Amino acid sequence: MSIYLIRHGKTEANERRLYCGSTDLPLSEGGREELKALRYAITPKRFVTSGMKRTDETLQILFGTVPFSAESRFREVDFGDFEMKSYEMLKDDPAYQAWLTGDNEVNVPPHGESGVQMTRRVLEAFGSLPDGTALITHGGVIAAIMAELFPAEGKHRYQWQPQNGRGYEITADTYRPIP
């Protein structure tokens, strides 16, 4: 059994350190160039993306024009009112401070979703992926899957988040970073 989890390439939001989950951004020029330099030594049987521009573009750059399906349950967490804003832009907002100071896995940003809600929908979809699938998705999605599958590692969810264009190969009860 092998499932490949690959984070999309960089976007302008990544480069500017903005909260970006539900906003459908394309890759940045720098993100495209970084992906072109990567060499994957994997041969997935099928491909799935979250259906967002940045995941679809990443798939095309890394693997060429291949058949794929899109599954919206693999989208990043929706940051609601905090979407496309930075810490600096939000730091004095009482709603933002309330979200940050509690358990922001459980706390819901205004008009968004919590980490727990996102994890629930992602794990439901993940359970139906067949062997040999490459899932091109988002950092938070990958982190949620890895934290669920490998709790003995003792890592906080965000410690599992790979760099853009990178990810993990999961085989049975082990994993390895890719590429």
N, C-alpha and C. Protein backbone atom coordinates (compact mmCIF):
# COMPACT_ATOMS: atom_id res chain seq x y z
N MET A 1 0.83 -1.19 0.00
CA MET A 1 0.00 0.00 0.00
C MET A 1 0.87 1.24 0.00
N SER A 2 0.60 2.17 -0.89
CA SER A 2 1.27 3.47 -0.92
C SER A 2 0.25 4.55 -1.23
N ILE A 3 0.26 5.58 -0.41
CA ILE A 3 -0.50 6.80 -0.67
C ILE A 3 0.52 7.93 -0.59
N TYR A 4 0.47 8.83 -1.55
CA TYR A 4 1.40 9.96 -1.60
C TYR A 4 0.64 11.24 -1.27
N LEU A 5 1.14 11.98 -0.31
CA LEU A 5 0.55 13.26 0.07
C LEU A 5 1.51 14.35 -0.35
N ILE A 6 1.07 15.23 -1.24
CA ILE A 6 1.95 16.27 -1.79
C ILE A 6 1.30 17.63 -1.60
N ARG A 7 2.04 18.55 -0.99
CA ARG A 7 1.54 19.91 -0.80
C ARG A 7 1.75 20.72 -2.07
N HIS A 8 0.78 21.54 -2.41
CA HIS A 8 0.86 22.40 -3.58
C HIS A 8 2.07 23.33 -3.50
N GLY A 9 2.47 23.87 -4.66
CA GLY A 9 3.55 24.84 -4.71
C GLY A 9 3.14 26.17 -4.09
N LYS A 10 4.11 27.05 -3.96
CA LYS A 10 3.87 28.35 -3.32
C LYS A 10 2.92 29.23 -4.11
N THR A 11 2.16 29.99 -3.34
CA THR A 11 1.27 31.01 -3.90
C THR A 11 1.72 32.37 -3.36
N GLU A 12 1.12 33.41 -3.87
CA GLU A 12 1.41 34.74 -3.34
C GLU A 12 1.08 34.80 -1.85
N ALA A 13 0.02 34.13 -1.44
CA ALA A 13 -0.36 34.13 -0.02
C ALA A 13 0.72 33.47 0.83
N ASN A 14 1.31 32.37 0.36
CA ASN A 14 2.41 31.74 1.09
C ASN A 14 3.59 32.70 1.20
N GLU A 15 3.91 33.35 0.11
CA GLU A 15 5.06 34.26 0.09
C GLU A 15 4.84 35.48 0.99
N ARG A 16 3.61 35.93 1.10
CA ARG A 16 3.29 37.10 1.92
C ARG A 16 2.85 36.73 3.34
N ARG A 17 2.84 35.44 3.64
CA ARG A 17 2.47 34.91 4.96
C ARG A 17 1.05 35.33 5.35
N LEU A 18 0.13 35.08 4.42
CA LEU A 18 -1.28 35.37 4.63
C LEU A 18 -2.03 34.08 4.93
N TYR A 19 -3.07 34.16 5.74
CA TYR A 19 -3.95 33.01 5.95
C TYR A 19 -4.68 32.78 4.63
N CYS A 20 -4.56 31.59 4.10
CA CYS A 20 -5.21 31.29 2.82
C CYS A 20 -5.68 29.85 2.84
N GLY A 21 -6.96 29.67 2.87
CA GLY A 21 -7.54 28.34 2.84
C GLY A 21 -8.55 28.23 1.72
N SER A 22 -9.61 29.00 1.80
CA SER A 22 -10.71 28.88 0.84
C SER A 22 -10.52 29.75 -0.40
N THR A 23 -9.58 30.67 -0.37
CA THR A 23 -9.34 31.52 -1.54
C THR A 23 -8.65 30.69 -2.62
N ASP A 24 -9.20 30.70 -3.83
CA ASP A 24 -8.69 29.85 -4.90
C ASP A 24 -7.61 30.58 -5.71
N LEU A 25 -6.39 30.55 -5.17
CA LEU A 25 -5.27 31.24 -5.81
C LEU A 25 -4.48 30.31 -6.73
N PRO A 26 -3.90 30.86 -7.79
CA PRO A 26 -2.96 30.08 -8.59
C PRO A 26 -1.59 30.08 -7.91
N LEU A 27 -0.69 29.30 -8.45
CA LEU A 27 0.69 29.32 -7.97
C LEU A 27 1.33 30.66 -8.34
N SER A 28 2.31 31.08 -7.54
CA SER A 28 3.09 32.26 -7.89
C SER A 28 4.14 31.83 -8.92
N GLU A 29 4.74 32.80 -9.56
CA GLU A 29 5.80 32.48 -10.53
C GLU A 29 6.95 31.74 -9.83
N GLY A 30 7.32 32.21 -8.63
CA GLY A 30 8.36 31.53 -7.86
C GLY A 30 7.96 30.12 -7.49
N GLY A 31 6.68 29.93 -7.16
CA GLY A 31 6.18 28.59 -6.84
C GLY A 31 6.28 27.65 -8.02
N ARG A 32 5.96 28.14 -9.20
CA ARG A 32 6.07 27.32 -10.42
C ARG A 32 7.52 26.92 -10.66
N GLU A 33 8.42 27.88 -10.53
CA GLU A 33 9.84 27.60 -10.78
C GLU A 33 10.39 26.58 -9.77
N GLU A 34 10.02 26.71 -8.50
CA GLU A 34 10.48 25.75 -7.49
C GLU A 34 9.99 24.34 -7.82
N LEU A 35 8.74 24.22 -8.24
CA LEU A 35 8.20 22.90 -8.58
C LEU A 35 8.93 22.28 -9.77
N LYS A 36 9.24 23.10 -10.76
CA LYS A 36 9.93 22.59 -11.96
C LYS A 36 11.29 22.00 -11.61
N ALA A 37 11.90 22.47 -10.53
CA ALA A 37 13.22 21.98 -10.12
C ALA A 37 13.15 20.67 -9.34
N LEU A 38 11.96 20.28 -8.88
CA LEU A 38 11.82 19.05 -8.09
C LEU A 38 11.77 17.82 -8.99
N ARG A 39 12.31 16.73 -8.50
CA ARG A 39 12.28 15.47 -9.23
C ARG A 39 11.67 14.41 -8.33
N TYR A 40 10.51 13.94 -8.69
CA TYR A 40 9.83 12.91 -7.92
C TYR A 40 10.17 11.54 -8.49
N ALA A 41 10.56 10.62 -7.63
CA ALA A 41 10.87 9.24 -8.04
C ALA A 41 9.73 8.33 -7.57
N ILE A 42 8.51 8.73 -7.91
CA ILE A 42 7.34 7.93 -7.55
C ILE A 42 6.48 7.75 -8.79
N THR A 43 5.70 6.69 -8.81
CA THR A 43 4.84 6.42 -9.95
C THR A 43 3.43 6.08 -9.47
N PRO A 44 2.68 7.10 -9.11
CA PRO A 44 1.31 6.87 -8.66
C PRO A 44 0.44 6.23 -9.76
N LYS A 45 -0.56 5.49 -9.32
CA LYS A 45 -1.51 4.88 -10.26
C LYS A 45 -2.65 5.83 -10.61
N ARG A 46 -2.95 6.75 -9.67
CA ARG A 46 -4.04 7.69 -9.87
C ARG A 46 -3.72 8.98 -9.12
N PHE A 47 -4.42 10.03 -9.50
CA PHE A 47 -4.17 11.35 -8.94
C PHE A 47 -5.48 11.99 -8.49
N VAL A 48 -5.42 12.65 -7.34
CA VAL A 48 -6.55 13.37 -6.80
C VAL A 48 -6.04 14.73 -6.33
N THR A 49 -6.79 15.79 -6.61
CA THR A 49 -6.47 17.12 -6.09
C THR A 49 -7.66 17.62 -5.28
N SER A 50 -7.46 18.75 -4.62
CA SER A 50 -8.58 19.37 -3.91
C SER A 50 -9.49 20.13 -4.87
N GLY A 51 -9.08 20.22 -6.12
CA GLY A 51 -9.86 20.96 -7.12
C GLY A 51 -9.58 22.44 -7.15
N MET A 52 -8.63 22.89 -6.34
CA MET A 52 -8.29 24.31 -6.34
C MET A 52 -7.16 24.56 -7.35
N LYS A 53 -7.09 25.79 -7.87
CA LYS A 53 -6.10 26.13 -8.90
C LYS A 53 -4.69 25.70 -8.49
N ARG A 54 -4.31 25.99 -7.26
CA ARG A 54 -2.93 25.72 -6.84
C ARG A 54 -2.60 24.23 -6.80
N THR A 55 -3.60 23.39 -6.51
CA THR A 55 -3.33 21.95 -6.49
C THR A 55 -3.34 21.39 -7.90
N ASP A 56 -4.25 21.86 -8.74
CA ASP A 56 -4.30 21.38 -10.11
C ASP A 56 -3.04 21.78 -10.88
N GLU A 57 -2.57 23.01 -10.68
CA GLU A 57 -1.33 23.46 -11.34
C GLU A 57 -0.13 22.65 -10.85
N THR A 58 -0.08 22.37 -9.56
CA THR A 58 1.03 21.59 -9.00
C THR A 58 1.07 20.21 -9.64
N LEU A 59 -0.07 19.57 -9.74
CA LEU A 59 -0.15 18.25 -10.38
C LEU A 59 0.41 18.32 -11.80
N GLN A 60 -0.02 19.29 -12.58
CA GLN A 60 0.41 19.39 -13.97
C GLN A 60 1.91 19.62 -14.08
N ILE A 61 2.48 20.47 -13.23
CA ILE A 61 3.92 20.73 -13.29
C ILE A 61 4.72 19.50 -12.88
N LEU A 62 4.29 18.82 -11.84
CA LEU A 62 5.06 17.67 -11.33
C LEU A 62 4.90 16.40 -12.16
N PHE A 63 3.69 16.17 -12.71
CA PHE A 63 3.42 14.89 -13.36
C PHE A 63 2.93 15.01 -14.80
N GLY A 64 2.82 16.22 -15.32
CA GLY A 64 2.37 16.39 -16.69
C GLY A 64 0.85 16.32 -16.79
N THR A 65 0.39 16.14 -18.00
CA THR A 65 -1.04 16.06 -18.26
C THR A 65 -1.48 14.62 -18.02
N VAL A 66 -2.06 14.39 -16.87
CA VAL A 66 -2.52 13.05 -16.49
C VAL A 66 -3.99 13.14 -16.07
N PRO A 67 -4.72 12.05 -16.21
CA PRO A 67 -6.10 12.07 -15.71
C PRO A 67 -6.09 12.20 -14.19
N PHE A 68 -7.06 12.95 -13.66
CA PHE A 68 -7.16 13.10 -12.21
C PHE A 68 -8.61 13.40 -11.83
N SER A 69 -8.89 13.23 -10.57
CA SER A 69 -10.20 13.62 -10.06
C SER A 69 -9.99 14.69 -8.99
N ALA A 70 -11.03 15.48 -8.77
CA ALA A 70 -10.99 16.52 -7.74
C ALA A 70 -11.97 16.15 -6.63
N GLU A 71 -11.52 16.32 -5.41
CA GLU A 71 -12.34 16.02 -4.24
C GLU A 71 -12.28 17.22 -3.30
N SER A 72 -13.37 17.97 -3.21
CA SER A 72 -13.37 19.21 -2.44
C SER A 72 -13.20 19.00 -0.94
N ARG A 73 -13.43 17.80 -0.44
CA ARG A 73 -13.21 17.55 0.99
C ARG A 73 -11.73 17.64 1.36
N PHE A 74 -10.85 17.66 0.37
CA PHE A 74 -9.42 17.81 0.63
C PHE A 74 -8.96 19.26 0.55
N ARG A 75 -9.90 20.21 0.62
CA ARG A 75 -9.53 21.63 0.64
C ARG A 75 -8.99 22.02 2.00
N GLU A 76 -8.21 23.08 2.01
CA GLU A 76 -7.62 23.61 3.24
C GLU A 76 -8.72 24.14 4.16
N VAL A 77 -8.38 24.33 5.42
CA VAL A 77 -9.32 24.92 6.38
C VAL A 77 -9.75 26.30 5.89
N ASP A 78 -10.99 26.64 6.13
CA ASP A 78 -11.53 27.94 5.75
C ASP A 78 -11.29 28.90 6.91
N PHE A 79 -10.46 29.91 6.69
CA PHE A 79 -10.12 30.88 7.73
C PHE A 79 -11.16 31.98 7.87
N GLY A 80 -12.24 31.92 7.12
CA GLY A 80 -13.33 32.87 7.27
C GLY A 80 -12.88 34.31 7.12
N ASP A 81 -13.23 35.14 8.10
CA ASP A 81 -12.91 36.57 8.04
C ASP A 81 -11.40 36.85 8.07
N PHE A 82 -10.60 35.86 8.44
CA PHE A 82 -9.15 36.06 8.50
C PHE A 82 -8.46 35.72 7.18
N GLU A 83 -9.24 35.22 6.24
CA GLU A 83 -8.72 34.80 4.94
C GLU A 83 -8.01 35.96 4.23
N MET A 84 -6.83 35.68 3.70
CA MET A 84 -6.00 36.61 2.93
C MET A 84 -5.53 37.81 3.76
N LYS A 85 -5.38 37.59 5.07
CA LYS A 85 -4.84 38.61 5.96
C LYS A 85 -3.66 38.02 6.72
N SER A 86 -2.77 38.87 7.16
CA SER A 86 -1.58 38.44 7.90
C SER A 86 -1.79 38.67 9.40
N TYR A 87 -0.87 38.12 10.16
CA TYR A 87 -0.87 38.36 11.61
C TYR A 87 -0.82 39.87 11.87
N GLU A 88 0.05 40.56 11.17
CA GLU A 88 0.19 42.01 11.37
C GLU A 88 -1.12 42.75 11.11
N MET A 89 -1.87 42.32 10.11
CA MET A 89 -3.14 42.97 9.79
C MET A 89 -4.21 42.67 10.84
N LEU A 90 -4.08 41.52 11.50
CA LEU A 90 -5.12 41.06 12.41
C LEU A 90 -4.81 41.21 13.89
N LYS A 91 -3.58 41.46 14.24
CA LYS A 91 -3.14 41.35 15.63
C LYS A 91 -3.96 42.15 16.64
N ASP A 92 -4.58 43.25 16.22
CA ASP A 92 -5.37 44.07 17.14
C ASP A 92 -6.87 43.78 17.06
N ASP A 93 -7.25 42.81 16.27
CA ASP A 93 -8.66 42.44 16.10
C ASP A 93 -9.07 41.51 17.26
N PRO A 94 -10.05 41.91 18.07
CA PRO A 94 -10.46 41.08 19.22
C PRO A 94 -10.91 39.66 18.82
N ALA A 95 -11.57 39.54 17.68
CA ALA A 95 -12.01 38.22 17.23
C ALA A 95 -10.81 37.33 16.90
N TYR A 96 -9.80 37.93 16.32
CA TYR A 96 -8.58 37.19 16.00
C TYR A 96 -7.86 36.77 17.28
N GLN A 97 -7.76 37.68 18.22
CA GLN A 97 -7.10 37.36 19.50
C GLN A 97 -7.86 36.25 20.23
N ALA A 98 -9.18 36.28 20.18
CA ALA A 98 -9.98 35.22 20.82
C ALA A 98 -9.72 33.88 20.14
N TRP A 99 -9.60 33.88 18.83
CA TRP A 99 -9.33 32.65 18.09
C TRP A 99 -7.94 32.11 18.44
N LEU A 100 -6.96 32.99 18.52
CA LEU A 100 -5.58 32.58 18.81
C LEU A 100 -5.36 32.14 20.25
N THR A 101 -5.99 32.81 21.19
CA THR A 101 -5.66 32.57 22.60
C THR A 101 -6.27 31.29 23.15
N GLY A 102 -7.30 30.81 22.54
CA GLY A 102 -7.87 29.53 22.98
C GLY A 102 -7.23 28.40 22.20
N ASP A 103 -7.95 27.33 22.10
CA ASP A 103 -7.50 26.18 21.32
C ASP A 103 -7.96 26.41 19.89
N ASN A 104 -7.07 26.92 19.03
CA ASN A 104 -7.52 27.26 17.68
C ASN A 104 -7.73 26.04 16.78
N GLU A 105 -7.53 24.85 17.32
CA GLU A 105 -7.99 23.65 16.62
C GLU A 105 -9.50 23.52 16.79
N VAL A 106 -9.99 23.98 17.92
CA VAL A 106 -11.42 23.88 18.23
C VAL A 106 -12.13 25.19 17.91
N ASN A 107 -11.48 26.32 18.19
CA ASN A 107 -12.08 27.63 17.93
C ASN A 107 -12.37 27.80 16.44
N VAL A 108 -13.47 28.44 16.16
CA VAL A 108 -13.88 28.69 14.78
C VAL A 108 -13.69 30.17 14.48
N PRO A 109 -12.89 30.51 13.45
CA PRO A 109 -12.79 31.92 13.08
C PRO A 109 -14.14 32.40 12.55
N PRO A 110 -14.48 33.67 12.72
CA PRO A 110 -15.76 34.16 12.22
C PRO A 110 -15.96 33.80 10.74
N HIS A 111 -17.08 33.14 10.45
CA HIS A 111 -17.46 32.73 9.10
C HIS A 111 -16.52 31.69 8.50
N GLY A 112 -15.77 30.98 9.33
CA GLY A 112 -14.85 29.95 8.85
C GLY A 112 -15.14 28.60 9.47
N GLU A 113 -14.12 27.77 9.57
CA GLU A 113 -14.26 26.46 10.18
C GLU A 113 -13.07 26.19 11.09
N SER A 114 -13.26 25.31 12.03
CA SER A 114 -12.18 24.96 12.96
C SER A 114 -11.29 23.88 12.35
N GLY A 115 -10.13 23.71 12.96
CA GLY A 115 -9.24 22.63 12.57
C GLY A 115 -9.90 21.27 12.75
N VAL A 116 -10.68 21.14 13.81
CA VAL A 116 -11.39 19.88 14.07
C VAL A 116 -12.39 19.59 12.95
N GLN A 117 -13.14 20.60 12.53
CA GLN A 117 -14.10 20.42 11.44
C GLN A 117 -13.40 20.02 10.14
N MET A 118 -12.30 20.70 9.83
CA MET A 118 -11.55 20.37 8.63
C MET A 118 -11.02 18.95 8.71
N THR A 119 -10.44 18.58 9.85
CA THR A 119 -9.87 17.24 10.00
C THR A 119 -10.94 16.17 9.81
N ARG A 120 -12.10 16.38 10.34
CA ARG A 120 -13.20 15.41 10.21
C ARG A 120 -13.53 15.15 8.74
N ARG A 121 -13.70 16.22 7.94
CA ARG A 121 -14.06 16.02 6.54
C ARG A 121 -12.92 15.40 5.74
N VAL A 122 -11.68 15.79 6.07
CA VAL A 122 -10.51 15.26 5.38
C VAL A 122 -10.36 13.76 5.64
N LEU A 123 -10.46 13.35 6.91
CA LEU A 123 -10.28 11.93 7.24
C LEU A 123 -11.39 11.06 6.64
N GLU A 124 -12.58 11.61 6.55
CA GLU A 124 -13.67 10.87 5.90
C GLU A 124 -13.32 10.59 4.44
N ALA A 125 -12.80 11.59 3.75
CA ALA A 125 -12.43 11.42 2.34
C ALA A 125 -11.18 10.55 2.21
N PHE A 126 -10.23 10.70 3.11
CA PHE A 126 -8.97 9.95 3.03
C PHE A 126 -9.22 8.44 3.10
N GLY A 127 -10.18 8.04 3.89
CA GLY A 127 -10.48 6.62 4.05
C GLY A 127 -10.92 5.94 2.76
N SER A 128 -11.31 6.71 1.77
CA SER A 128 -11.76 6.11 0.51
C SER A 128 -10.71 6.15 -0.60
N LEU A 129 -9.51 6.65 -0.31
CA LEU A 129 -8.47 6.70 -1.34
C LEU A 129 -7.91 5.30 -1.61
N PRO A 130 -7.87 4.89 -2.85
CA PRO A 130 -7.29 3.58 -3.15
C PRO A 130 -5.76 3.61 -3.13
N ASP A 131 -5.19 2.43 -2.98
CA ASP A 131 -3.74 2.26 -3.00
C ASP A 131 -3.16 2.87 -4.28
N GLY A 132 -1.99 3.49 -4.15
CA GLY A 132 -1.31 4.05 -5.30
C GLY A 132 -1.74 5.45 -5.68
N THR A 133 -2.54 6.09 -4.84
CA THR A 133 -3.05 7.44 -5.14
C THR A 133 -2.06 8.51 -4.70
N ALA A 134 -1.85 9.50 -5.55
CA ALA A 134 -1.13 10.72 -5.17
C ALA A 134 -2.19 11.79 -4.93
N LEU A 135 -2.23 12.30 -3.72
CA LEU A 135 -3.15 13.37 -3.34
C LEU A 135 -2.38 14.68 -3.31
N ILE A 136 -2.71 15.58 -4.21
CA ILE A 136 -2.08 16.90 -4.24
C ILE A 136 -3.07 17.83 -3.54
N THR A 137 -2.63 18.34 -2.38
CA THR A 137 -3.54 19.05 -1.50
C THR A 137 -2.81 20.17 -0.77
N HIS A 138 -3.17 20.43 0.46
CA HIS A 138 -2.73 21.60 1.21
C HIS A 138 -1.98 21.18 2.48
N GLY A 139 -1.18 22.09 3.00
CA GLY A 139 -0.37 21.79 4.17
C GLY A 139 -1.16 21.37 5.39
N GLY A 140 -2.26 22.06 5.67
CA GLY A 140 -3.08 21.72 6.83
C GLY A 140 -3.75 20.37 6.68
N VAL A 141 -4.14 20.03 5.46
CA VAL A 141 -4.76 18.74 5.18
C VAL A 141 -3.76 17.62 5.42
N ILE A 142 -2.56 17.78 4.88
CA ILE A 142 -1.52 16.76 5.07
C ILE A 142 -1.19 16.62 6.55
N ALA A 143 -1.06 17.73 7.23
CA ALA A 143 -0.73 17.70 8.66
C ALA A 143 -1.81 16.96 9.45
N ALA A 144 -3.07 17.19 9.12
CA ALA A 144 -4.17 16.52 9.82
C ALA A 144 -4.12 15.01 9.60
N ILE A 145 -3.86 14.60 8.37
CA ILE A 145 -3.78 13.16 8.06
C ILE A 145 -2.61 12.52 8.79
N MET A 146 -1.46 13.15 8.74
CA MET A 146 -0.27 12.57 9.37
C MET A 146 -0.41 12.49 10.88
N ALA A 147 -0.97 13.52 11.50
CA ALA A 147 -1.17 13.51 12.95
C ALA A 147 -2.12 12.39 13.36
N GLU A 148 -3.12 12.13 12.54
CA GLU A 148 -4.07 11.05 12.82
C GLU A 148 -3.42 9.67 12.65
N LEU A 149 -2.63 9.50 11.59
CA LEU A 149 -2.05 8.20 11.29
C LEU A 149 -0.85 7.84 12.15
N PHE A 150 -0.13 8.85 12.63
CA PHE A 150 1.11 8.60 13.37
C PHE A 150 1.14 9.33 14.71
N PRO A 151 0.17 9.07 15.57
CA PRO A 151 0.10 9.77 16.86
C PRO A 151 1.28 9.46 17.78
N ALA A 152 1.89 8.30 17.63
CA ALA A 152 3.01 7.92 18.48
C ALA A 152 4.22 8.83 18.27
N GLU A 153 4.25 9.55 17.15
CA GLU A 153 5.35 10.49 16.90
C GLU A 153 5.32 11.65 17.88
N GLY A 154 4.14 11.92 18.45
CA GLY A 154 4.01 13.00 19.42
C GLY A 154 4.15 14.39 18.83
N LYS A 155 3.96 14.52 17.53
CA LYS A 155 4.09 15.82 16.88
C LYS A 155 2.77 16.57 16.90
N HIS A 156 2.87 17.87 17.12
CA HIS A 156 1.72 18.75 16.97
C HIS A 156 1.37 18.77 15.49
N ARG A 157 0.13 18.98 15.19
CA ARG A 157 -0.33 18.95 13.80
C ARG A 157 0.54 19.80 12.88
N TYR A 158 0.89 21.00 13.30
CA TYR A 158 1.65 21.88 12.41
C TYR A 158 3.09 21.41 12.19
N GLN A 159 3.59 20.56 13.05
CA GLN A 159 4.92 19.99 12.85
C GLN A 159 4.94 19.01 11.68
N TRP A 160 3.80 18.53 11.29
CA TRP A 160 3.69 17.60 10.16
C TRP A 160 3.59 18.34 8.82
N GLN A 161 3.36 19.62 8.85
CA GLN A 161 3.12 20.35 7.60
C GLN A 161 4.40 20.42 6.77
N PRO A 162 4.40 19.83 5.57
CA PRO A 162 5.61 19.86 4.73
C PRO A 162 5.76 21.20 4.03
N GLN A 163 6.94 21.43 3.52
CA GLN A 163 7.18 22.62 2.71
C GLN A 163 6.39 22.50 1.41
N ASN A 164 6.18 23.61 0.76
CA ASN A 164 5.48 23.59 -0.52
C ASN A 164 6.19 22.68 -1.52
N GLY A 165 5.40 21.88 -2.23
CA GLY A 165 5.94 20.97 -3.23
C GLY A 165 6.47 19.66 -2.67
N ARG A 166 6.41 19.50 -1.38
CA ARG A 166 6.93 18.29 -0.75
C ARG A 166 5.80 17.57 -0.01
N GLY A 167 6.13 16.40 0.53
CA GLY A 167 5.10 15.66 1.23
C GLY A 167 5.62 14.37 1.81
N TYR A 168 4.76 13.36 1.80
CA TYR A 168 5.07 12.07 2.41
C TYR A 168 4.53 10.93 1.55
N GLU A 169 5.25 9.83 1.58
CA GLU A 169 4.74 8.57 1.06
C GLU A 169 4.38 7.72 2.27
N ILE A 170 3.14 7.28 2.32
CA ILE A 170 2.68 6.44 3.42
C ILE A 170 2.57 5.01 2.90
N THR A 171 3.23 4.10 3.58
CA THR A 171 3.16 2.68 3.22
C THR A 171 2.86 1.89 4.50
N ALA A 172 1.73 1.22 4.49
CA ALA A 172 1.28 0.44 5.66
C ALA A 172 1.33 1.32 6.90
N ASP A 173 2.22 1.03 7.85
CA ASP A 173 2.28 1.81 9.08
C ASP A 173 3.54 2.65 9.18
N THR A 174 4.15 2.99 8.04
CA THR A 174 5.34 3.83 8.02
C THR A 174 5.16 4.96 7.00
N TYR A 175 6.12 5.86 7.00
CA TYR A 175 6.10 6.96 6.05
C TYR A 175 7.54 7.37 5.76
N ARG A 176 7.69 8.08 4.66
CA ARG A 176 8.98 8.71 4.34
C ARG A 176 8.70 10.02 3.63
N PRO A 177 9.56 11.02 3.86
CA PRO A 177 9.39 12.29 3.15
C PRO A 177 9.64 12.12 1.66
N ILE A 178 8.94 12.90 0.86
CA ILE A 178 9.19 12.97 -0.58
C ILE A 178 9.22 14.42 -0.99
N PRO A 179 9.87 14.85 -2.08
CA PRO A 179 10.72 14.04 -2.93
C PRO A 179 12.04 13.76 -2.27
